[in-house]
Protein backbone atom coordinates (compact mmCIF):
# COMPACT_ATOMS: atom_id res chain seq x y z
CA MET A 1 0.00 0.00 0.00
CA GLY A 2 1.20 3.49 -0.81
CA THR A 3 1.69 5.56 2.34
CA VAL A 4 -0.14 8.44 0.64
CA THR A 5 -3.35 6.41 1.02
CA LEU A 6 -3.55 6.86 4.79
CA GLY A 7 -3.72 9.76 7.19
CA GLY A 8 -1.64 10.01 10.34
CA THR A 9 2.08 10.01 10.94
CA VAL A 10 4.42 7.88 8.88
CA VAL A 11 4.86 5.56 11.88
CA GLU A 12 1.10 5.15 12.22
CA LYS A 13 0.85 4.50 8.49
CA ILE A 14 3.45 1.75 8.36
CA GLU A 15 2.12 0.12 11.52
CA ALA A 16 -1.40 0.14 10.05
CA ILE A 17 -0.22 -1.27 6.72
CA ALA A 18 1.67 -4.07 8.44
CA GLY A 19 -1.23 -4.77 10.77
CA ALA A 20 -3.59 -5.16 7.82
CA GLY A 21 -1.40 -7.88 6.35
CA PHE A 22 0.40 -6.07 3.56
CA HIS A 23 3.95 -7.13 2.73
CA GLY A 24 5.35 -3.76 1.75
CA ILE A 25 4.88 -0.05 1.20
CA GLU A 26 5.43 2.52 -1.48
CA LEU A 27 6.96 5.39 0.46
CA PHE A 28 5.76 8.82 -0.62
CA ASP A 29 8.56 11.37 -0.38
CA ASP A 30 6.46 13.93 1.47
CA ASP A 31 5.62 11.36 4.15
CA LEU A 32 9.33 10.97 4.81
CA ARG A 33 10.08 14.71 4.70
CA THR A 34 7.36 15.57 7.21
CA SER A 35 7.97 12.61 9.51
CA GLY A 36 10.71 14.13 11.62
CA LEU A 37 12.54 10.81 11.23
CA LYS A 38 15.70 9.97 9.36
CA ALA A 39 15.37 7.62 6.42
CA GLY A 40 17.27 4.92 8.28
CA GLU A 41 14.83 5.15 11.19
CA VAL A 42 11.87 4.63 8.87
CA ALA A 43 13.66 1.69 7.28
CA SER A 44 14.27 0.13 10.70
CA ARG A 45 10.62 0.48 11.69
CA CYS A 46 9.55 -1.15 8.42
CA ALA A 47 12.02 -4.00 8.90
CA ASP A 48 10.83 -4.59 12.45
CA LEU A 49 7.28 -4.94 11.12
CA GLY A 50 8.28 -7.23 8.26
CA LEU A 51 7.60 -4.62 5.60
CA THR A 52 9.69 -4.03 2.50
CA ILE A 53 9.96 -0.57 0.96
CA GLU A 54 9.10 -1.41 -2.61
CA SER A 55 9.62 2.05 -4.06
CA TYR A 56 10.38 5.65 -3.20
CA GLN A 57 8.26 8.15 -5.09
CA PRO A 58 7.48 10.28 -6.96
CA PHE A 59 10.41 11.80 -8.80
CA ARG A 60 8.98 14.66 -10.86
CA ARG A 61 10.13 16.77 -13.82
CA ALA A 62 12.64 14.16 -14.91
CA GLU A 63 12.24 14.33 -18.68
CA GLY A 64 11.33 16.81 -21.37
CA VAL A 65 13.58 19.49 -19.88
CA SER A 66 16.28 21.61 -21.49
CA ASP A 67 19.90 20.49 -21.52
CA ALA A 68 20.73 23.20 -19.01
CA GLY A 69 17.77 22.22 -16.81
CA PHE A 70 18.74 18.56 -16.82
CA ALA A 71 21.78 19.28 -14.61
CA GLU A 72 19.34 20.26 -11.84
CA VAL A 73 17.35 17.07 -12.49
CA VAL A 74 20.46 14.96 -12.05
CA SER A 75 21.35 16.77 -8.82
CA ARG A 76 17.89 16.11 -7.36
CA PHE A 77 18.01 12.53 -8.57
CA ARG A 78 21.35 11.80 -6.91
CA ALA A 79 20.01 13.27 -3.67
CA ASP A 80 17.00 10.93 -3.82
CA LEU A 81 19.26 7.95 -4.51
CA ALA A 82 21.20 8.80 -1.37
CA ILE A 83 17.95 8.73 0.61
CA MET A 84 17.06 5.42 -1.00
CA GLY A 85 20.36 4.00 0.13
CA GLU A 86 19.42 4.83 3.72
CA LEU A 87 15.95 3.40 3.20
CA GLY A 88 17.31 0.19 1.73
CA THR A 89 15.05 0.37 -1.30
CA GLU A 90 16.27 -0.19 -4.84
CA SER A 91 13.44 1.30 -6.90
CA ILE A 92 12.54 4.92 -7.59
CA LEU A 93 9.32 5.81 -9.37
CA ILE A 94 9.67 8.53 -12.01
CA VAL A 95 6.52 10.24 -13.29
CA SER A 96 6.06 12.00 -16.61
CA ASN A 97 6.53 15.75 -16.81
CA THR A 98 3.33 17.73 -16.19
CA ASP A 99 4.76 21.23 -16.54
CA ASP A 100 3.66 23.65 -19.25
CA ASP A 101 7.23 24.13 -20.45
CA ALA A 102 7.85 20.39 -21.01
CA ILE A 103 9.56 19.87 -24.37
CA ASP A 104 7.66 17.71 -26.87
CA ASP A 105 10.59 15.61 -28.02
CA ARG A 106 10.27 11.88 -27.43
CA GLY A 107 13.92 11.27 -28.20
CA ARG A 108 14.98 13.87 -25.64
CA SER A 109 12.70 12.32 -23.01
CA ALA A 110 14.08 8.86 -23.73
CA GLY A 111 17.66 10.07 -23.54
CA GLN A 112 17.06 11.76 -20.19
CA ILE A 113 15.31 8.70 -18.76
CA ALA A 114 18.19 6.56 -20.02
CA SER A 115 20.69 8.84 -18.26
CA LEU A 116 18.80 8.58 -14.98
CA GLY A 117 18.53 4.82 -15.36
CA ALA A 118 22.29 4.58 -15.85
CA ILE A 119 22.97 6.70 -12.76
CA ALA A 120 20.61 4.52 -10.71
CA ALA A 121 22.33 1.38 -11.99
CA GLU A 122 25.68 2.72 -10.80
CA HIS A 123 24.22 2.62 -7.28
CA GLY A 124 22.67 -0.82 -7.67
CA MET A 125 19.23 0.74 -8.06
CA ARG A 126 16.59 0.84 -10.75
CA ILE A 127 14.05 3.23 -12.18
CA THR A 128 10.40 2.71 -12.97
CA PHE A 129 8.44 5.10 -15.17
CA GLU A 130 4.79 6.09 -15.00
CA ALA A 131 2.73 8.15 -17.43
CA LEU A 132 0.46 10.50 -15.49
CA SER A 133 -2.84 10.96 -17.29
CA TRP A 134 -2.37 14.75 -17.19
CA GLY A 135 1.23 14.52 -18.39
CA THR A 136 2.05 17.32 -20.81
CA HIS A 137 3.27 15.04 -23.62
CA ILE A 138 3.55 11.57 -22.05
CA ASN A 139 0.20 10.62 -20.58
CA ARG A 140 -0.66 7.11 -21.70
CA LEU A 141 0.74 3.69 -20.90
CA ALA A 142 1.85 3.31 -24.52
CA ASP A 143 3.73 6.63 -24.31
CA ALA A 144 5.69 5.54 -21.25
CA TRP A 145 6.46 2.17 -22.83
CA ASP A 146 7.71 3.88 -26.00
CA VAL A 147 10.03 6.10 -23.94
CA LEU A 148 11.42 3.10 -22.04
CA GLN A 149 12.02 1.13 -25.23
CA ARG A 150 13.84 4.07 -26.79
CA ALA A 151 15.81 4.50 -23.57
CA GLY A 152 16.91 0.88 -23.59
CA PHE A 153 15.31 0.13 -20.22
CA PRO A 154 12.31 -1.98 -21.22
CA ASN A 155 12.41 -4.82 -18.70
CA GLY A 156 10.45 -4.40 -15.49
CA CYS A 157 10.48 -0.62 -15.61
CA LEU A 158 6.93 0.27 -16.63
CA VAL A 159 4.40 1.34 -13.97
CA MET A 160 0.74 0.72 -14.73
CA ASP A 161 -1.73 2.68 -12.59
CA THR A 162 -5.35 1.71 -13.22
CA PHE A 163 -6.57 5.26 -12.63
CA HIS A 164 -4.36 6.78 -15.30
CA LEU A 165 -5.14 3.92 -17.68
CA LEU A 166 -8.92 3.93 -17.30
CA ALA A 167 -9.47 7.66 -16.87
CA LEU A 168 -8.32 8.20 -20.46
CA GLY A 169 -10.51 5.41 -21.84
CA ASP A 170 -7.75 2.84 -22.21
CA GLY A 171 -7.95 -0.58 -20.59
CA ALA A 172 -7.13 -4.27 -20.78
CA THR A 173 -6.33 -4.12 -24.50
CA GLU A 174 -3.40 -1.79 -23.86
CA VAL A 175 -2.09 -4.05 -21.09
CA ALA A 176 -2.49 -7.19 -23.19
CA GLY A 177 -0.39 -5.57 -25.91
CA LEU A 178 2.65 -5.36 -23.65
CA PRO A 179 5.36 -8.03 -23.57
CA PRO A 180 5.40 -10.06 -20.33
CA GLU A 181 8.60 -8.47 -19.07
CA ALA A 182 7.43 -4.86 -19.43
CA LEU A 183 5.67 -4.26 -16.13
CA GLY A 184 7.62 -3.44 -13.00
CA LEU A 185 4.81 -2.26 -10.73
CA VAL A 186 1.01 -2.37 -10.81
CA GLN A 187 -0.90 0.27 -8.85
CA LEU A 188 -4.62 -0.20 -8.28
CA ALA A 189 -7.12 2.58 -7.75
CA ASP A 190 -10.83 2.69 -8.47
CA ALA A 191 -12.84 5.89 -8.99
CA PRO A 192 -16.37 7.04 -9.68
CA LEU A 193 -17.15 8.00 -13.24
CA MET A 194 -17.07 11.77 -13.62
CA GLU A 195 -18.26 14.32 -16.13
CA VAL A 196 -16.09 14.66 -19.20
CA GLU A 197 -15.04 18.18 -18.28
CA THR A 198 -13.72 17.11 -14.87
CA GLU A 199 -10.03 17.98 -14.59
CA LEU A 200 -7.95 14.82 -14.46
CA LEU A 201 -5.76 16.08 -11.63
CA GLN A 202 -8.80 16.93 -9.50
CA TRP A 203 -10.39 13.57 -10.32
CA SER A 204 -7.25 11.67 -9.38
CA ARG A 205 -6.32 13.60 -6.24
CA GLY A 206 -9.83 13.88 -4.82
CA HIS A 207 -11.87 10.88 -5.87
CA ARG A 208 -9.76 7.73 -6.00
CA CYS A 209 -11.08 4.83 -3.95
CA PHE A 210 -10.41 1.19 -3.18
CA PRO A 211 -11.23 -1.48 -5.79
CA GLY A 212 -14.95 -2.18 -5.80
CA GLU A 213 -15.85 1.17 -4.27
CA GLY A 214 -15.92 3.00 -7.61
CA GLU A 215 -17.08 2.36 -11.16
CA PHE A 216 -13.87 1.49 -13.04
CA ASP A 217 -13.50 -1.97 -14.58
CA ILE A 218 -10.36 -2.84 -12.66
CA LEU A 219 -11.01 -6.59 -12.72
CA THR A 220 -10.70 -6.86 -16.51
CA VAL A 221 -7.42 -4.94 -16.40
CA LEU A 222 -6.05 -7.11 -13.61
CA GLU A 223 -7.05 -10.23 -15.57
CA ALA A 224 -4.94 -8.95 -18.46
CA VAL A 225 -2.06 -8.32 -16.05
CA ALA A 226 -2.35 -11.86 -14.68
CA GLU A 227 -2.53 -13.38 -18.15
CA SER A 228 0.64 -11.52 -19.13
CA GLY A 229 2.55 -13.57 -16.57
CA TYR A 230 3.32 -10.61 -14.30
CA ASP A 231 4.29 -11.84 -10.82
CA GLY A 232 5.46 -8.61 -9.21
CA VAL A 233 4.09 -6.14 -6.72
CA VAL A 234 0.47 -4.98 -6.74
CA SER A 235 -0.10 -1.86 -4.66
CA LEU A 236 -3.00 0.33 -3.59
CA GLU A 237 -2.28 4.01 -4.26
CA ILE A 238 -5.30 6.06 -3.26
CA PHE A 239 -5.30 9.85 -3.25
CA ASN A 240 -8.44 10.85 -1.39
CA PRO A 241 -8.62 13.46 1.40
CA ARG A 242 -11.79 11.89 2.79
CA TYR A 243 -10.02 8.55 3.19
CA ARG A 244 -7.29 10.21 5.23
CA GLU A 245 -9.88 11.33 7.78
CA PHE A 246 -10.35 7.69 8.85
CA PRO A 247 -8.11 6.11 11.48
CA PRO A 248 -5.18 4.60 9.54
CA TYR A 249 -5.63 1.13 11.06
CA GLN A 250 -9.28 1.03 10.03
CA LEU A 251 -8.59 2.26 6.51
CA ALA A 252 -5.66 -0.10 5.93
CA ARG A 253 -7.82 -3.09 6.87
CA ARG A 254 -10.54 -1.83 4.54
CA GLY A 255 -8.01 -1.62 1.72
CA ALA A 256 -6.75 -5.14 2.44
CA GLU A 257 -10.31 -6.49 2.33
CA ALA A 258 -10.94 -4.72 -0.98
CA LEU A 259 -7.76 -6.21 -2.45
CA ARG A 260 -8.61 -9.71 -1.23
CA GLY A 261 -12.07 -9.36 -2.72
CA LEU A 262 -10.59 -8.41 -6.07
CA PHE A 263 -8.22 -11.38 -6.02
CA ASP A 264 -11.11 -13.66 -5.06
CA GLN A 265 -12.91 -12.49 -8.19
CA LEU A 266 -9.81 -13.33 -10.18
CA GLY A 267 -10.10 -16.82 -8.74
CA ARG A 268 -6.41 -16.80 -7.83
CA THR A 269 -5.95 -19.06 -10.82
CA THR A 270 -3.43 -17.05 -12.76
CA TYR A 271 -1.91 -14.35 -10.55
CA SER A 272 0.88 -15.43 -8.24
CA GLY A 273 2.53 -12.12 -7.37
CA ARG A 274 2.57 -10.21 -4.13
């Protein structure tokens, strides 16, 4: 479960996630920054509870920047890798550029992602890349996959978030078209259907919900994921201010029940991941 899903302190979040039976967390950078704890202290608390830190996220404005601006990107990236070393996590989640000044040059984006991937590899770490549905030029799963292929980092680097996929009208067909080794992380989020003019950012940040509590066809997408042979991490990443008003222990258990219900519908016949 992503720590952004729950309210409370970062300690309360990780204790609630562990107590609900999850195996790991996606650590949101702001949760760490506001925790008052050092990264190593958060890592120790997770280890004591049997939780892995599956990813550190999000790393923003990573691609589609000028050559001069990319030096600042690299500086921020190296700083995040240092934090990851203290956390003991090997994966950083990069999101597509959402700024108005993002440069529409797929080759440039791929080259910059490739550079960041190479820097991460020097530290024994890896990148994953996610297309945000409101990304300026890279906003679909196929866009992110194209960038990764051009960058030469195709295996296990693609992040598929059901909100971003389904909010734009894509779905299982796009997942089924990927090679089995493409996906590196699957994030699940349901949502109510909204009016066409609803801003994607507002929809995502204010209305996500657990699987089965919205109107998205998550099951069909997850079936396509399972049929692809993916056996990696499946995570709940729910941005919803109303959710964060609930006690974290209560909400984490509710999320675990929703996830179990979804897997029960799958029949547990094809998916063997975690």
